[in-house]
Amino acid sequence: MARSSRDRKKTARSWLILLPAAALVAALGYWNLGSDAPDKSLANNHSGHTIDFYMTHSHTTQFNEEGQLHYEFTAARVDHIQQTDTSLMTLPDLLLHRGSEQPWHITSQRGEAGPDGKVIELFDQVNVQRTDAHGRPFLLATEHLIYLPDTDHAHTDLPVQIDSAQGVTTARGMDAYLKKGTVSLLSTVRGRYENN
């Protein structure tokens, strides 16, 4: 009897260790993106997909090896799809500090992260913003953005609009390397600039 009680305590301890790890994988998958999670998850369930776990009001903070703030991620809801190992997110919100005092702030209405969080897709009212060291604002808006966390590369083929201290620029398609702070516009570039 004592032995079975000990086994139960051991099993309970194992679950207590595994639950935070599972929550982190789900919350993040680096961050998790999809369509409106409730709508998309219902659609996926009708097509035979299973949500094996979900979280609401998730918040994740990660520090780098030097102890500096790496990123903060929040989402209203995160659903993990068992069959595809993808995570669907509602209202994903990512602050990419990367040890810098001028973080990139990325938000959208929904998103999806693939297995291991190597590819993150953001959908609907995607905003990428930052204020530089001189206090100048930068806002990039589009309807779909693919973000690769390992390289800090973000890109889209859809129309983008950039509002900055210099003026407003529109284009179709964009490549950005957030760590370097470089943005390349791909085609149909138009701008309206102000002289200060």
Protein backbone atom coordinates (compact mmCIF):
# COMPACT_ATOMS: atom_id res chain seq x y z
CA MET A 1 0.00 0.00 0.00
CA ALA A 2 2.79 2.43 0.90
CA ARG A 3 4.54 1.62 -2.32
CA SER A 4 1.50 2.38 -4.47
CA SER A 5 1.06 5.69 -2.63
CA ARG A 6 4.72 6.51 -3.35
CA ASP A 7 4.19 5.62 -7.03
CA ARG A 8 1.19 7.95 -7.17
CA LYS A 9 3.22 10.80 -5.68
CA LYS A 10 6.00 10.14 -8.20
CA THR A 11 3.49 10.21 -11.08
CA ALA A 12 1.95 13.43 -9.76
CA ARG A 13 5.42 15.04 -9.55
CA SER A 14 6.15 13.97 -13.13
CA TRP A 15 2.93 15.64 -14.32
CA LEU A 16 3.76 18.81 -12.42
CA ILE A 17 7.09 18.95 -14.23
CA LEU A 18 5.61 18.18 -17.67
CA LEU A 19 2.64 20.59 -17.54
CA PRO A 20 4.69 23.85 -17.62
CA ALA A 21 6.81 22.45 -20.47
CA ALA A 22 3.70 21.52 -22.45
CA ALA A 23 2.21 24.95 -21.75
CA LEU A 24 5.34 26.69 -22.99
CA VAL A 25 5.41 24.63 -26.20
CA ALA A 26 1.76 25.40 -26.80
CA ALA A 27 1.97 29.05 -25.87
CA LEU A 28 4.80 29.61 -28.06
CA GLY A 29 5.74 27.00 -30.50
CA TYR A 30 7.85 30.13 -30.47
CA TRP A 31 4.59 31.90 -30.78
CA ASN A 32 1.55 30.38 -32.29
CA LEU A 33 -0.55 31.76 -35.03
CA GLY A 34 -3.74 30.91 -36.98
CA SER A 35 -7.18 32.25 -37.82
CA ASP A 36 -9.52 33.34 -35.09
CA ALA A 37 -8.77 30.44 -32.82
CA PRO A 38 -12.36 29.63 -31.89
CA ASP A 39 -13.52 29.71 -35.54
CA LYS A 40 -10.47 27.94 -36.94
CA SER A 41 -10.43 25.31 -34.21
CA LEU A 42 -14.09 24.52 -34.87
CA ALA A 43 -13.36 24.23 -38.59
CA ASN A 44 -10.40 21.96 -37.92
CA ASN A 45 -12.48 19.78 -35.62
CA HIS A 46 -15.03 19.33 -38.41
CA SER A 47 -12.23 18.21 -40.75
CA GLY A 48 -11.00 15.60 -38.25
CA HIS A 49 -8.36 17.64 -36.42
CA THR A 50 -8.12 17.43 -32.66
CA ILE A 51 -7.17 20.19 -30.25
CA ASP A 52 -5.17 18.27 -27.68
CA PHE A 53 -4.68 21.30 -25.43
CA TYR A 54 -5.37 25.03 -25.37
CA MET A 55 -4.59 28.07 -23.25
CA THR A 56 -6.34 31.37 -22.69
CA HIS A 57 -4.67 34.63 -21.68
CA SER A 58 -1.21 33.11 -22.17
CA HIS A 59 1.91 35.11 -21.33
CA THR A 60 5.48 33.94 -21.92
CA THR A 61 8.72 35.76 -21.13
CA GLN A 62 12.13 34.51 -22.28
CA PHE A 63 15.61 35.76 -21.40
CA ASN A 64 18.79 35.18 -23.43
CA GLU A 65 21.95 33.49 -22.16
CA GLU A 66 23.28 36.82 -20.83
CA GLY A 67 20.12 37.29 -18.74
CA GLN A 68 18.74 40.04 -20.98
CA LEU A 69 15.08 40.13 -21.97
CA HIS A 70 14.75 38.23 -25.27
CA TYR A 71 11.01 38.41 -25.95
CA GLU A 72 7.58 38.64 -24.36
CA PHE A 73 4.63 36.88 -25.97
CA THR A 74 0.94 37.08 -25.13
CA ALA A 75 -2.18 35.74 -26.82
CA ALA A 76 -5.87 35.76 -25.97
CA ARG A 77 -6.03 32.07 -26.88
CA VAL A 78 -3.69 29.37 -28.18
CA ASP A 79 -4.99 26.04 -29.58
CA HIS A 80 -2.58 23.18 -30.30
CA ILE A 81 -3.60 20.87 -33.17
CA GLN A 82 -2.47 17.32 -32.44
CA GLN A 83 -2.34 15.94 -36.00
CA THR A 84 -0.15 18.69 -37.45
CA ASP A 85 1.70 19.84 -34.30
CA THR A 86 0.72 23.42 -35.15
CA SER A 87 -0.55 26.10 -32.80
CA LEU A 88 -3.31 28.55 -33.66
CA MET A 89 -3.37 31.89 -31.89
CA THR A 90 -5.93 34.62 -31.35
CA LEU A 91 -4.59 38.17 -30.88
CA PRO A 92 -0.89 37.25 -30.80
CA ASP A 93 1.30 40.04 -29.42
CA LEU A 94 5.10 39.77 -29.51
CA LEU A 95 7.67 42.17 -28.11
CA LEU A 96 11.07 41.23 -29.59
CA HIS A 97 13.60 42.79 -27.24
CA ARG A 98 16.63 40.77 -28.37
CA GLY A 99 18.59 42.49 -25.58
CA SER A 100 17.91 45.87 -27.21
CA GLU A 101 16.33 49.00 -25.74
CA GLN A 102 14.23 49.48 -28.88
CA PRO A 103 12.09 46.33 -29.20
CA TRP A 104 10.06 45.40 -32.26
CA HIS A 105 6.36 45.05 -31.45
CA ILE A 106 4.41 42.67 -33.69
CA THR A 107 0.63 42.19 -33.40
CA SER A 108 -2.16 40.68 -35.48
CA GLN A 109 -5.68 39.31 -35.16
CA ARG A 110 -4.62 35.68 -35.56
CA GLY A 111 -1.65 33.50 -36.32
CA GLU A 112 -0.23 30.02 -36.76
CA ALA A 113 3.07 28.47 -35.73
CA GLY A 114 4.35 25.28 -37.30
CA PRO A 115 6.16 22.47 -35.50
CA ASP A 116 9.08 23.74 -33.37
CA GLY A 117 8.03 27.34 -34.09
CA LYS A 118 10.40 27.61 -37.06
CA VAL A 119 7.79 29.35 -39.23
CA ILE A 120 5.19 31.73 -37.85
CA GLU A 121 2.41 33.18 -39.96
CA LEU A 122 0.40 36.22 -38.92
CA PHE A 123 -2.94 37.15 -40.46
CA ASP A 124 -5.31 40.14 -40.48
CA GLN A 125 -4.27 43.62 -39.37
CA VAL A 126 -0.61 42.71 -38.92
CA ASN A 127 1.38 45.60 -37.44
CA VAL A 128 5.15 45.72 -36.97
CA GLN A 129 6.28 48.79 -35.06
CA ARG A 130 9.29 50.23 -33.35
CA THR A 131 10.65 53.52 -32.06
CA ASP A 132 14.35 54.02 -32.82
CA ALA A 133 17.06 55.41 -30.51
CA HIS A 134 16.20 58.95 -31.70
CA GLY A 135 12.50 58.55 -30.81
CA ARG A 136 11.37 58.25 -34.44
CA PRO A 137 8.36 55.94 -34.95
CA PHE A 138 8.15 53.19 -37.57
CA LEU A 139 4.94 51.29 -38.37
CA LEU A 140 4.56 48.62 -41.03
CA ALA A 141 1.04 47.31 -41.74
CA THR A 142 -0.03 44.37 -43.91
CA GLU A 143 -2.60 41.55 -43.92
CA HIS A 144 -0.21 38.57 -43.92
CA LEU A 145 3.33 38.21 -42.62
CA ILE A 146 5.65 35.20 -42.40
CA TYR A 147 8.22 35.44 -39.60
CA LEU A 148 11.25 33.14 -39.21
CA PRO A 149 12.45 33.52 -35.59
CA ASP A 150 15.84 31.83 -36.09
CA THR A 151 16.96 34.51 -38.57
CA ASP A 152 14.64 37.38 -37.52
CA HIS A 153 13.47 37.46 -41.15
CA ALA A 154 9.93 38.68 -41.93
CA HIS A 155 8.40 38.76 -45.40
CA THR A 156 5.16 39.09 -47.31
CA ASP A 157 3.99 39.20 -50.94
CA LEU A 158 0.93 41.29 -50.07
CA PRO A 159 0.61 45.09 -50.04
CA VAL A 160 2.38 46.87 -47.19
CA GLN A 161 2.25 50.41 -45.86
CA ILE A 162 5.08 51.96 -43.86
CA ASP A 163 4.48 55.08 -41.79
CA SER A 164 7.69 56.68 -40.54
CA ALA A 165 9.06 60.07 -39.55
CA GLN A 166 9.96 60.67 -43.23
CA GLY A 167 6.44 60.00 -44.58
CA VAL A 168 4.26 57.17 -45.91
CA THR A 169 5.49 54.46 -48.28
CA THR A 170 3.38 51.75 -49.92
CA ALA A 171 4.55 48.71 -51.86
CA ARG A 172 3.65 45.20 -52.87
CA GLY A 173 5.82 42.69 -51.04
CA MET A 174 8.51 43.20 -48.42
CA ASP A 175 11.59 41.53 -46.93
CA ALA A 176 12.75 42.64 -43.49
CA TYR A 177 15.57 41.58 -41.18
CA LEU A 178 14.45 42.86 -37.82
CA LYS A 179 17.71 42.36 -35.94
CA LYS A 180 19.59 44.44 -38.54
CA GLY A 181 16.69 46.88 -38.91
CA THR A 182 16.61 46.61 -42.72
CA VAL A 183 13.47 46.58 -44.86
CA SER A 184 13.44 45.95 -48.64
CA LEU A 185 10.30 46.73 -50.61
CA LEU A 186 9.79 44.43 -53.59
CA SER A 187 7.59 46.16 -56.18
CA THR A 188 5.13 48.99 -56.95
CA VAL A 189 6.82 51.28 -54.43
CA ARG A 190 5.21 54.67 -53.91
CA GLY A 191 6.03 57.27 -51.31
CA ARG A 192 4.84 60.56 -49.87
CA TYR A 193 7.58 62.27 -47.92
CA GLU A 194 7.77 65.33 -45.73
CA ASN A 195 10.78 67.62 -45.34
CA ASN A 196 11.45 68.71 -41.78
